[in-house]
Protein backbone atom coordinates (compact mmCIF):
# COMPACT_ATOMS: atom_id res chain seq x y z
CA MET A 1 -65.49 -8.83 -21.58
CA GLU A 2 -66.67 -10.04 -24.99
CA GLN A 3 -69.08 -7.28 -25.36
CA GLU A 4 -66.78 -4.48 -24.53
CA ARG A 5 -64.16 -5.67 -26.75
CA SER A 6 -66.70 -5.54 -29.82
CA ARG A 7 -67.93 -2.85 -28.75
CA ALA A 8 -64.82 -0.93 -28.62
CA ALA A 9 -63.98 -2.18 -31.94
CA GLU A 10 -67.16 -1.14 -33.22
CA VAL A 11 -66.75 2.44 -32.14
CA GLY A 12 -63.36 2.91 -32.40
CA TYR A 13 -61.65 2.96 -28.87
CA GLU A 14 -59.18 1.12 -26.85
CA ASP A 15 -60.27 -2.66 -25.83
CA PRO A 16 -60.79 -1.90 -22.30
CA ILE A 17 -59.99 -5.22 -20.60
CA ASN A 18 -56.79 -6.19 -19.29
CA ALA A 19 -55.30 -9.12 -21.61
CA THR A 20 -54.50 -11.11 -18.63
CA TYR A 21 -55.50 -11.39 -15.47
CA GLU A 22 -52.34 -10.33 -13.62
CA GLN A 23 -53.09 -6.97 -15.31
CA THR A 24 -55.86 -7.16 -13.76
CA SER A 25 -55.04 -7.47 -10.50
CA GLU A 26 -51.95 -4.78 -11.13
CA MET A 27 -54.50 -2.30 -11.72
CA TYR A 28 -56.68 -3.24 -9.18
CA HIS A 29 -53.68 -2.25 -6.68
CA ARG A 30 -52.78 0.73 -8.45
CA CYS A 31 -56.42 1.97 -7.87
CA LEU A 32 -56.00 0.98 -3.88
CA ASP A 33 -52.87 2.24 -3.76
CA TYR A 34 -54.32 5.45 -4.57
CA ILE A 35 -57.45 5.34 -2.15
CA LEU A 36 -54.83 4.47 0.34
CA GLU A 37 -52.88 7.61 -0.09
CA GLU A 38 -56.09 9.34 -0.16
CA ILE A 39 -56.80 8.11 3.28
CA ARG A 40 -53.52 8.60 4.47
CA HIS A 41 -53.49 12.52 3.63
CA ASN A 42 -56.93 13.57 4.55
CA ARG A 43 -58.67 10.82 6.54
CA LYS A 44 -61.95 11.34 4.26
CA ALA A 45 -62.28 8.81 2.46
CA ASN A 46 -63.08 4.70 2.43
CA VAL A 47 -62.79 1.83 1.04
CA MET A 48 -64.39 -1.54 0.44
CA VAL A 49 -61.76 -3.89 -0.60
CA ALA A 50 -63.85 -6.39 -2.08
CA SER A 51 -61.40 -9.27 -3.31
CA HIS A 52 -61.12 -13.32 -2.99
CA ASN A 53 -57.49 -12.71 -3.92
CA LYS A 54 -55.64 -13.43 -1.02
CA ASP A 55 -52.70 -11.53 -2.72
CA THR A 56 -54.66 -8.28 -2.50
CA VAL A 57 -55.87 -8.93 1.02
CA LYS A 58 -52.32 -8.82 2.10
CA PHE A 59 -51.35 -5.74 -0.20
CA THR A 60 -53.66 -3.49 1.35
CA LEU A 61 -52.88 -5.14 4.81
CA ARG A 62 -49.30 -4.05 3.92
CA ARG A 63 -49.73 -0.98 2.62
CA MET A 64 -52.09 0.31 5.45
CA ALA A 65 -49.34 -0.40 8.01
CA ASP A 66 -46.94 1.22 5.27
CA LEU A 67 -49.35 4.26 5.47
CA GLY A 68 -49.95 4.01 9.11
CA ILE A 69 -53.68 3.65 8.71
CA HIS A 70 -54.36 1.13 11.70
CA PRO A 71 -57.57 -0.99 11.39
CA SER A 72 -59.51 0.47 14.33
CA GLU A 73 -59.73 3.32 12.26
CA ASN A 74 -62.68 2.03 10.24
CA LYS A 75 -61.72 3.51 6.81
CA ILE A 76 -60.58 0.02 5.45
CA TYR A 77 -63.15 -2.38 4.93
CA PHE A 78 -63.18 -5.93 3.36
CA GLY A 79 -65.34 -7.99 1.58
CA GLN A 80 -66.35 -11.47 0.28
CA LEU A 81 -68.59 -13.06 -0.93
CA LEU A 82 -70.14 -15.47 2.33
CA GLY A 83 -68.73 -18.90 1.99
CA MET A 84 -66.17 -17.92 -0.22
CA CYS A 85 -62.07 -17.74 0.56
CA ASP A 86 -63.45 -18.45 4.25
CA GLN A 87 -59.75 -19.02 4.63
CA ILE A 88 -59.06 -15.19 3.89
CA THR A 89 -62.34 -13.57 5.72
CA PHE A 90 -62.06 -15.33 9.28
CA PRO A 91 -58.62 -13.79 10.20
CA LEU A 92 -59.69 -10.61 8.88
């Protein structure tokens, strides 16, 4: 993050790093929502939701239900590092 910020300042482009954790989560959810909408419309895309954030997992499951994307379609996959957030992984 420090290198990216330094590089942006040096070269003269906008800082590419979100200022807060909350902004990062919001951006992740916006990008994920875009992909989920794409899946809804043409079913050609797949996505791996790689997150240890339970709110992101809940967001994804809620949006899947809203958009009519059933888990059995195998369009959305979830991944966490082995042993991290097992309380999220096991129910999935």
